[in-house]
Amino acid sequence: MGYTVAMTDIDHTLTAFDGLRDRDYAREGLMVLEGRLVIQKALDCGVELVSLVTVPADAEEWSGRAEGRFPVVAVERARMADIVGFGFHRGALALARRPVPMNTGNAMPGNALLLWNVTDPDNLGALARSAVALGAKTLYLGPGCADPYSRKPLRTSMGCVRS
């Protein structure tokens, strides 16, 4: 199975990743997903992907998963490192529509984690991942908490932050 992407799609997709600034994406209703695990969890939850950049070795697989719903562009590992912003990367990076946070009246029954003023994105992600591992079904964020859909909490939570 092959894959083809129009050159304009490649240019538009790569341009969409320039800068990777969470606040800019948030204003546009988007979020950045890094790595196979986070992207796959997002797809499993019905999150709408806008575009995906991957290394050539995984391009055919991601194109098959895309099923024409979003463009998939393959770039060499060095170019991926430039896009991600550091030398270590997980081989795939996607832009997705931000989920609408759940209304507190519609919380899932079961254990929950309530957080207040957790400003560090890595801490928020680690707490979300730990809560899921311990069986929590809902994460409540009070005032002062970091944005759960920004790049670092999503990466640190390994995709456990969902709507």
N, C-alpha and C. Protein backbone atom coordinates (compact mmCIF):
# COMPACT_ATOMS: atom_id res chain seq x y z
N MET A 1 0.85 -1.18 0.00
CA MET A 1 0.00 0.00 0.00
C MET A 1 0.89 1.24 0.00
N GLY A 2 0.70 2.12 -0.94
CA GLY A 2 1.50 3.33 -1.00
C GLY A 2 0.76 4.51 -0.43
N TYR A 3 1.42 5.63 -0.40
CA TYR A 3 0.78 6.84 0.08
C TYR A 3 1.29 8.00 -0.75
N THR A 4 0.41 8.95 -0.99
CA THR A 4 0.80 10.15 -1.71
C THR A 4 0.19 11.35 -1.00
N VAL A 5 0.92 12.41 -0.98
CA VAL A 5 0.45 13.65 -0.39
C VAL A 5 0.83 14.76 -1.35
N ALA A 6 -0.13 15.62 -1.67
CA ALA A 6 0.14 16.73 -2.58
C ALA A 6 1.17 17.67 -1.94
N MET A 7 2.01 18.29 -2.78
CA MET A 7 3.05 19.17 -2.28
C MET A 7 2.46 20.31 -1.47
N THR A 8 1.30 20.84 -1.84
CA THR A 8 0.69 21.91 -1.06
C THR A 8 0.30 21.42 0.33
N ASP A 9 -0.14 20.16 0.44
CA ASP A 9 -0.44 19.58 1.75
C ASP A 9 0.82 19.47 2.59
N ILE A 10 1.93 19.10 1.96
CA ILE A 10 3.20 18.99 2.68
C ILE A 10 3.59 20.36 3.23
N ASP A 11 3.57 21.37 2.37
CA ASP A 11 3.94 22.72 2.79
C ASP A 11 3.03 23.21 3.91
N HIS A 12 1.73 23.05 3.74
CA HIS A 12 0.77 23.51 4.75
C HIS A 12 0.95 22.75 6.06
N THR A 13 1.15 21.45 5.98
CA THR A 13 1.31 20.63 7.19
C THR A 13 2.56 21.03 7.94
N LEU A 14 3.68 21.16 7.26
CA LEU A 14 4.93 21.53 7.92
C LEU A 14 4.86 22.95 8.47
N THR A 15 4.24 23.86 7.75
CA THR A 15 4.09 25.23 8.23
C THR A 15 3.25 25.28 9.50
N ALA A 16 2.25 24.41 9.59
CA ALA A 16 1.38 24.38 10.77
C ALA A 16 2.15 24.04 12.04
N PHE A 17 3.28 23.36 11.91
CA PHE A 17 4.08 22.97 13.08
C PHE A 17 5.16 23.99 13.44
N ASP A 18 5.35 25.02 12.63
CA ASP A 18 6.39 26.01 12.90
C ASP A 18 6.15 26.69 14.24
N GLY A 19 7.16 26.67 15.09
CA GLY A 19 7.10 27.37 16.36
C GLY A 19 6.59 26.55 17.53
N LEU A 20 5.64 25.67 17.31
CA LEU A 20 5.06 24.82 18.36
C LEU A 20 4.80 25.57 19.66
N ARG A 21 4.02 26.62 19.60
CA ARG A 21 3.70 27.40 20.79
C ARG A 21 2.29 27.05 21.24
N ASP A 22 2.19 26.47 22.43
CA ASP A 22 0.90 26.00 22.95
C ASP A 22 -0.17 27.08 22.97
N ARG A 23 0.19 28.28 23.40
CA ARG A 23 -0.84 29.32 23.51
C ARG A 23 -1.40 29.69 22.14
N ASP A 24 -0.56 29.62 21.09
CA ASP A 24 -1.06 29.90 19.74
C ASP A 24 -2.03 28.81 19.29
N TYR A 25 -1.66 27.57 19.54
CA TYR A 25 -2.53 26.45 19.16
C TYR A 25 -3.83 26.50 19.96
N ALA A 26 -3.74 26.79 21.25
CA ALA A 26 -4.94 26.83 22.10
C ALA A 26 -5.94 27.86 21.58
N ARG A 27 -5.43 29.01 21.16
CA ARG A 27 -6.31 30.06 20.61
C ARG A 27 -7.05 29.56 19.37
N GLU A 28 -6.41 28.67 18.63
CA GLU A 28 -7.02 28.14 17.41
C GLU A 28 -7.81 26.86 17.67
N GLY A 29 -7.90 26.44 18.93
CA GLY A 29 -8.64 25.23 19.26
C GLY A 29 -7.90 23.96 18.92
N LEU A 30 -6.56 24.04 18.90
CA LEU A 30 -5.74 22.89 18.54
C LEU A 30 -4.84 22.47 19.70
N MET A 31 -4.29 21.28 19.60
CA MET A 31 -3.29 20.79 20.55
C MET A 31 -2.28 19.94 19.79
N VAL A 32 -1.08 19.81 20.38
CA VAL A 32 0.00 19.04 19.77
C VAL A 32 0.09 17.68 20.48
N LEU A 33 0.11 16.62 19.70
CA LEU A 33 0.24 15.27 20.23
C LEU A 33 1.59 14.72 19.79
N GLU A 34 2.36 14.22 20.75
CA GLU A 34 3.69 13.68 20.44
C GLU A 34 3.75 12.20 20.71
N GLY A 35 4.20 11.46 19.71
CA GLY A 35 4.47 10.04 19.88
C GLY A 35 3.30 9.13 19.56
N ARG A 36 3.64 7.92 19.19
CA ARG A 36 2.68 6.90 18.77
C ARG A 36 1.60 6.65 19.82
N LEU A 37 1.99 6.48 21.07
CA LEU A 37 1.04 6.14 22.13
C LEU A 37 0.01 7.25 22.34
N VAL A 38 0.46 8.48 22.44
CA VAL A 38 -0.44 9.61 22.66
C VAL A 38 -1.38 9.78 21.47
N ILE A 39 -0.84 9.69 20.26
CA ILE A 39 -1.66 9.85 19.06
C ILE A 39 -2.68 8.72 18.96
N GLN A 40 -2.27 7.50 19.21
CA GLN A 40 -3.20 6.38 19.12
C GLN A 40 -4.31 6.49 20.16
N LYS A 41 -3.97 6.89 21.39
CA LYS A 41 -5.01 7.08 22.42
C LYS A 41 -5.99 8.17 21.99
N ALA A 42 -5.48 9.23 21.39
CA ALA A 42 -6.36 10.31 20.93
C ALA A 42 -7.31 9.79 19.85
N LEU A 43 -6.79 9.04 18.89
CA LEU A 43 -7.64 8.47 17.85
C LEU A 43 -8.68 7.53 18.44
N ASP A 44 -8.27 6.71 19.40
CA ASP A 44 -9.20 5.77 20.05
C ASP A 44 -10.33 6.49 20.76
N CYS A 45 -10.06 7.70 21.26
CA CYS A 45 -11.07 8.49 21.98
C CYS A 45 -11.90 9.36 21.05
N GLY A 46 -11.63 9.29 19.76
CA GLY A 46 -12.40 10.08 18.81
C GLY A 46 -11.92 11.50 18.61
N VAL A 47 -10.69 11.80 19.05
CA VAL A 47 -10.14 13.13 18.83
C VAL A 47 -9.86 13.30 17.33
N GLU A 48 -10.22 14.46 16.80
CA GLU A 48 -10.04 14.73 15.38
C GLU A 48 -8.63 15.25 15.11
N LEU A 49 -7.85 14.49 14.35
CA LEU A 49 -6.52 14.94 13.96
C LEU A 49 -6.64 15.84 12.74
N VAL A 50 -5.79 16.87 12.71
CA VAL A 50 -5.77 17.82 11.61
C VAL A 50 -4.66 17.46 10.63
N SER A 51 -3.49 17.07 11.17
CA SER A 51 -2.36 16.67 10.34
C SER A 51 -1.36 15.89 11.19
N LEU A 52 -0.50 15.15 10.52
CA LEU A 52 0.49 14.33 11.22
C LEU A 52 1.79 14.34 10.44
N VAL A 53 2.91 14.49 11.16
CA VAL A 53 4.24 14.40 10.58
C VAL A 53 4.91 13.20 11.22
N THR A 54 5.56 12.39 10.42
CA THR A 54 6.20 11.18 10.93
C THR A 54 7.50 10.91 10.20
N VAL A 55 8.26 9.98 10.72
CA VAL A 55 9.49 9.56 10.05
C VAL A 55 9.11 8.60 8.92
N PRO A 56 9.95 8.50 7.88
CA PRO A 56 9.61 7.68 6.72
C PRO A 56 9.27 6.22 7.05
N ALA A 57 9.93 5.63 8.02
CA ALA A 57 9.68 4.22 8.35
C ALA A 57 8.24 3.97 8.79
N ASP A 58 7.56 4.99 9.32
CA ASP A 58 6.20 4.81 9.83
C ASP A 58 5.13 5.46 8.95
N ALA A 59 5.54 6.06 7.85
CA ALA A 59 4.61 6.84 7.03
C ALA A 59 3.47 5.99 6.47
N GLU A 60 3.77 4.83 5.98
CA GLU A 60 2.72 3.99 5.39
C GLU A 60 1.70 3.56 6.45
N GLU A 61 2.19 3.20 7.62
CA GLU A 61 1.30 2.80 8.71
C GLU A 61 0.36 3.94 9.10
N TRP A 62 0.92 5.15 9.30
CA TRP A 62 0.08 6.28 9.69
C TRP A 62 -0.87 6.68 8.58
N SER A 63 -0.44 6.57 7.33
CA SER A 63 -1.33 6.88 6.21
C SER A 63 -2.53 5.94 6.20
N GLY A 64 -2.28 4.67 6.52
CA GLY A 64 -3.38 3.71 6.61
C GLY A 64 -4.35 4.06 7.73
N ARG A 65 -3.83 4.49 8.86
CA ARG A 65 -4.69 4.89 9.98
C ARG A 65 -5.45 6.17 9.67
N ALA A 66 -4.84 7.04 8.88
CA ALA A 66 -5.49 8.32 8.55
C ALA A 66 -6.74 8.11 7.71
N GLU A 67 -6.73 7.11 6.87
CA GLU A 67 -7.86 6.80 5.99
C GLU A 67 -8.38 8.05 5.27
N GLY A 68 -7.45 8.94 4.88
CA GLY A 68 -7.82 10.15 4.15
C GLY A 68 -8.42 11.26 5.00
N ARG A 69 -8.54 11.08 6.31
CA ARG A 69 -9.14 12.10 7.17
C ARG A 69 -8.21 13.26 7.46
N PHE A 70 -6.90 13.03 7.41
CA PHE A 70 -5.92 14.08 7.67
C PHE A 70 -4.65 13.75 6.89
N PRO A 71 -3.88 14.79 6.50
CA PRO A 71 -2.66 14.52 5.75
C PRO A 71 -1.56 13.94 6.65
N VAL A 72 -0.78 13.05 6.08
CA VAL A 72 0.38 12.46 6.74
C VAL A 72 1.60 12.80 5.90
N VAL A 73 2.57 13.44 6.53
CA VAL A 73 3.79 13.86 5.82
C VAL A 73 4.98 13.19 6.47
N ALA A 74 5.83 12.58 5.65
CA ALA A 74 7.05 11.94 6.15
C ALA A 74 8.23 12.88 5.98
N VAL A 75 9.01 13.01 7.05
CA VAL A 75 10.24 13.80 7.01
C VAL A 75 11.35 12.99 7.66
N GLU A 76 12.56 13.28 7.26
CA GLU A 76 13.71 12.59 7.84
C GLU A 76 13.83 12.92 9.33
N ARG A 77 14.51 12.04 10.07
CA ARG A 77 14.64 12.19 11.53
C ARG A 77 15.25 13.54 11.92
N ALA A 78 16.22 14.02 11.16
CA ALA A 78 16.84 15.31 11.49
C ALA A 78 15.82 16.44 11.35
N ARG A 79 15.01 16.40 10.29
CA ARG A 79 13.97 17.42 10.09
C ARG A 79 12.94 17.32 11.21
N MET A 80 12.60 16.09 11.62
CA MET A 80 11.65 15.90 12.72
C MET A 80 12.19 16.53 14.00
N ALA A 81 13.48 16.35 14.26
CA ALA A 81 14.09 16.95 15.45
C ALA A 81 13.99 18.48 15.39
N ASP A 82 14.15 19.05 14.20
CA ASP A 82 14.00 20.51 14.04
C ASP A 82 12.57 20.94 14.35
N ILE A 83 11.60 20.19 13.87
CA ILE A 83 10.20 20.52 14.09
C ILE A 83 9.85 20.40 15.57
N VAL A 84 10.25 19.30 16.20
CA VAL A 84 9.94 19.05 17.60
C VAL A 84 10.64 20.05 18.51
N GLY A 85 11.86 20.43 18.15
CA GLY A 85 12.58 21.43 18.93
C GLY A 85 13.69 20.86 19.78
N PHE A 86 13.90 19.55 19.73
CA PHE A 86 15.01 18.94 20.44
C PHE A 86 15.37 17.63 19.74
N GLY A 87 16.58 17.13 20.00
CA GLY A 87 17.11 15.97 19.29
C GLY A 87 16.36 14.68 19.51
N PHE A 88 15.79 14.50 20.68
CA PHE A 88 15.06 13.27 20.97
C PHE A 88 13.59 13.48 20.62
N HIS A 89 13.05 12.59 19.82
CA HIS A 89 11.62 12.67 19.51
C HIS A 89 11.06 11.27 19.36
N ARG A 90 9.76 11.17 19.32
CA ARG A 90 9.08 9.88 19.32
C ARG A 90 8.65 9.45 17.91
N GLY A 91 9.11 10.13 16.88
CA GLY A 91 8.87 9.70 15.51
C GLY A 91 7.54 10.10 14.90
N ALA A 92 6.67 10.71 15.68
CA ALA A 92 5.38 11.17 15.14
C ALA A 92 4.91 12.38 15.94
N LEU A 93 4.32 13.31 15.24
CA LEU A 93 3.83 14.53 15.83
C LEU A 93 2.54 14.88 15.10
N ALA A 94 1.48 15.18 15.85
CA ALA A 94 0.20 15.47 15.22
C ALA A 94 -0.42 16.74 15.79
N LEU A 95 -1.21 17.40 14.97
CA LEU A 95 -2.06 18.49 15.42
C LEU A 95 -3.47 17.94 15.47
N ALA A 96 -4.18 18.27 16.54
CA ALA A 96 -5.54 17.76 16.71
C ALA A 96 -6.44 18.85 17.27
N ARG A 97 -7.73 18.69 17.06
CA ARG A 97 -8.70 19.61 17.65
C ARG A 97 -8.78 19.34 19.15
N ARG A 98 -8.80 20.40 19.94
CA ARG A 98 -8.92 20.27 21.40
C ARG A 98 -10.31 19.76 21.75
N PRO A 99 -10.37 18.77 22.63
CA PRO A 99 -11.68 18.33 23.09
C PRO A 99 -12.32 19.41 23.96
N VAL A 100 -13.63 19.41 24.01
CA VAL A 100 -14.35 20.31 24.90
C VAL A 100 -14.33 19.66 26.28
N PRO A 101 -13.86 20.38 27.31
CA PRO A 101 -13.84 19.78 28.65
C PRO A 101 -15.23 19.34 29.08
N MET A 102 -15.27 18.23 29.78
CA MET A 102 -16.52 17.66 30.21
C MET A 102 -17.18 18.54 31.28
N ASN A 103 -18.47 18.66 31.22
CA ASN A 103 -19.24 19.35 32.24
C ASN A 103 -19.17 18.54 33.52
N THR A 104 -18.94 19.18 34.65
CA THR A 104 -18.79 18.45 35.91
C THR A 104 -20.04 17.67 36.29
N GLY A 105 -21.18 18.04 35.76
CA GLY A 105 -22.41 17.30 36.03
C GLY A 105 -22.48 15.98 35.29
N ASN A 106 -21.58 15.78 34.31
CA ASN A 106 -21.58 14.56 33.52
C ASN A 106 -20.39 13.67 33.82
N ALA A 107 -19.83 13.79 35.00
CA ALA A 107 -18.63 13.01 35.36
C ALA A 107 -18.95 11.53 35.38
N MET A 108 -17.95 10.73 35.08
CA MET A 108 -18.10 9.28 35.11
C MET A 108 -18.11 8.81 36.56
N PRO A 109 -18.94 7.82 36.88
CA PRO A 109 -18.94 7.31 38.25
C PRO A 109 -17.60 6.64 38.57
N GLY A 110 -17.22 6.68 39.81
CA GLY A 110 -15.97 6.05 40.23
C GLY A 110 -15.05 7.06 40.89
N ASN A 111 -13.82 6.64 41.08
CA ASN A 111 -12.83 7.50 41.73
C ASN A 111 -12.48 8.70 40.86
N ALA A 112 -12.10 9.77 41.54
CA ALA A 112 -11.72 11.00 40.84
C ALA A 112 -10.51 11.61 41.54
N LEU A 113 -9.78 12.41 40.80
CA LEU A 113 -8.68 13.19 41.36
C LEU A 113 -9.04 14.65 41.21
N LEU A 114 -8.98 15.38 42.31
CA LEU A 114 -9.25 16.81 42.31
C LEU A 114 -7.94 17.55 42.53
N LEU A 115 -7.63 18.47 41.63
CA LEU A 115 -6.38 19.21 41.71
C LEU A 115 -6.66 20.70 41.77
N TRP A 116 -5.84 21.39 42.54
CA TRP A 116 -5.98 22.83 42.70
C TRP A 116 -4.61 23.47 42.57
N ASN A 117 -4.47 24.41 41.69
CA ASN A 117 -3.25 25.19 41.57
C ASN A 117 -2.01 24.36 41.23
N VAL A 118 -2.17 23.33 40.42
CA VAL A 118 -1.02 22.56 39.93
C VAL A 118 -0.55 23.27 38.67
N THR A 119 0.44 24.13 38.84
CA THR A 119 0.86 25.00 37.75
C THR A 119 1.91 24.38 36.84
N ASP A 120 2.64 23.39 37.33
CA ASP A 120 3.69 22.78 36.52
C ASP A 120 3.09 21.76 35.56
N PRO A 121 3.27 21.93 34.25
CA PRO A 121 2.67 21.02 33.27
C PRO A 121 3.13 19.57 33.43
N ASP A 122 4.42 19.36 33.74
CA ASP A 122 4.90 17.99 33.91
C ASP A 122 4.24 17.33 35.12
N ASN A 123 4.08 18.08 36.21
CA ASN A 123 3.41 17.53 37.39
C ASN A 123 1.96 17.18 37.08
N LEU A 124 1.27 18.05 36.35
CA LEU A 124 -0.11 17.77 35.99
C LEU A 124 -0.21 16.48 35.17
N GLY A 125 0.67 16.32 34.19
CA GLY A 125 0.66 15.11 33.37
C GLY A 125 0.95 13.86 34.18
N ALA A 126 1.94 13.94 35.08
CA ALA A 126 2.28 12.78 35.92
C ALA A 126 1.14 12.43 36.86
N LEU A 127 0.48 13.43 37.41
CA LEU A 127 -0.65 13.18 38.30
C LEU A 127 -1.82 12.54 37.53
N ALA A 128 -2.07 13.00 36.32
CA ALA A 128 -3.15 12.42 35.50
C ALA A 128 -2.85 10.96 35.17
N ARG A 129 -1.62 10.68 34.77
CA ARG A 129 -1.22 9.31 34.45
C ARG A 129 -1.33 8.41 35.68
N SER A 130 -0.87 8.89 36.83
CA SER A 130 -0.96 8.11 38.06
C SER A 130 -2.40 7.88 38.47
N ALA A 131 -3.24 8.90 38.32
CA ALA A 131 -4.65 8.76 38.68
C ALA A 131 -5.33 7.67 37.85
N VAL A 132 -5.05 7.67 36.56
CA VAL A 132 -5.62 6.64 35.68
C VAL A 132 -5.11 5.26 36.09
N ALA A 133 -3.82 5.16 36.39
CA ALA A 133 -3.25 3.88 36.81
C ALA A 133 -3.90 3.37 38.10
N LEU A 134 -4.34 4.28 38.95
CA LEU A 134 -4.97 3.91 40.22
C LEU A 134 -6.49 3.79 40.11
N GLY A 135 -7.02 3.93 38.90
CA GLY A 135 -8.44 3.68 38.68
C GLY A 135 -9.34 4.89 38.63
N ALA A 136 -8.79 6.09 38.66
CA ALA A 136 -9.64 7.29 38.59
C ALA A 136 -10.29 7.39 37.22
N LYS A 137 -11.54 7.80 37.22
CA LYS A 137 -12.29 7.97 35.97
C LYS A 137 -12.42 9.43 35.58
N THR A 138 -12.23 10.33 36.55
CA THR A 138 -12.42 11.75 36.31
C THR A 138 -11.30 12.55 36.95
N LEU A 139 -10.88 13.60 36.25
CA LEU A 139 -9.87 14.52 36.75
C LEU A 139 -10.51 15.90 36.79
N TYR A 140 -10.63 16.46 37.99
CA TYR A 140 -11.18 17.80 38.15
C TYR A 140 -10.03 18.77 38.34
N LEU A 141 -10.03 19.85 37.57
CA LEU A 141 -8.98 20.85 37.68
C LEU A 141 -9.58 22.15 38.19
N GLY A 142 -9.07 22.61 39.32
CA GLY A 142 -9.51 23.87 39.89
C GLY A 142 -8.72 25.03 39.32
N PRO A 143 -8.98 26.22 39.85
CA PRO A 143 -8.27 27.41 39.38
C PRO A 143 -6.75 27.27 39.54
N GLY A 144 -6.04 27.85 38.62
CA GLY A 144 -4.59 27.89 38.70
C GLY A 144 -3.89 26.68 38.12
N CYS A 145 -4.62 25.70 37.61
CA CYS A 145 -3.97 24.51 37.05
C CYS A 145 -3.45 24.79 35.64
N ALA A 146 -2.40 24.09 35.30
CA ALA A 146 -1.85 24.18 33.95
C ALA A 146 -2.89 23.67 32.94
N ASP A 147 -2.71 24.04 31.71
CA ASP A 147 -3.60 23.60 30.63
C ASP A 147 -3.37 22.11 30.38
N PRO A 148 -4.36 21.25 30.60
CA PRO A 148 -4.16 19.82 30.43
C PRO A 148 -3.95 19.40 28.98
N TYR A 149 -4.34 20.26 28.03
CA TYR A 149 -4.19 19.93 26.62
C TYR A 149 -2.97 20.59 25.97
N SER A 150 -2.08 21.13 26.79
CA SER A 150 -0.85 21.65 26.21
C SER A 150 0.14 20.49 26.03
N ARG A 151 1.17 20.76 25.32
CA ARG A 151 2.11 19.73 24.86
C ARG A 151 2.72 18.89 25.98
N LYS A 152 3.22 19.54 27.03
CA LYS A 152 3.93 18.81 28.10
C LYS A 152 3.01 17.90 28.92
N PRO A 153 1.85 18.37 29.38
CA PRO A 153 0.99 17.45 30.13
C PRO A 153 0.52 16.25 29.30
N LEU A 154 0.23 16.49 28.02
CA LEU A 154 -0.18 15.37 27.16
C LEU A 154 0.94 14.35 27.01
N ARG A 155 2.15 14.85 26.81
CA ARG A 155 3.30 13.96 26.65
C ARG A 155 3.58 13.22 27.96
N THR A 156 3.61 13.93 29.08
CA THR A 156 3.93 13.33 30.38
C THR A 156 2.85 12.37 30.83
N SER A 157 1.59 12.67 30.51
CA SER A 157 0.50 11.79 30.92
C SER A 157 0.41 10.55 30.04
N MET A 158 1.18 10.53 28.96
CA MET A 158 1.15 9.44 27.98
C MET A 158 -0.25 9.28 27.40
N GLY A 159 -0.92 10.41 27.19
CA GLY A 159 -2.23 10.40 26.56
C GLY A 159 -3.38 10.12 27.50
N CYS A 160 -3.14 10.17 28.80
CA CYS A 160 -4.22 9.88 29.76
C CYS A 160 -5.12 11.06 30.04
N VAL A 161 -4.80 12.24 29.51
CA VAL A 161 -5.67 13.41 29.67
C VAL A 161 -6.65 13.37 28.51
N ARG A 162 -7.91 13.20 28.83
CA ARG A 162 -8.96 13.12 27.80
C ARG A 162 -10.13 13.97 28.22
N SER A 163 -11.03 14.20 27.28
CA SER A 163 -12.23 14.97 27.62
C SER A 163 -13.27 14.05 28.21
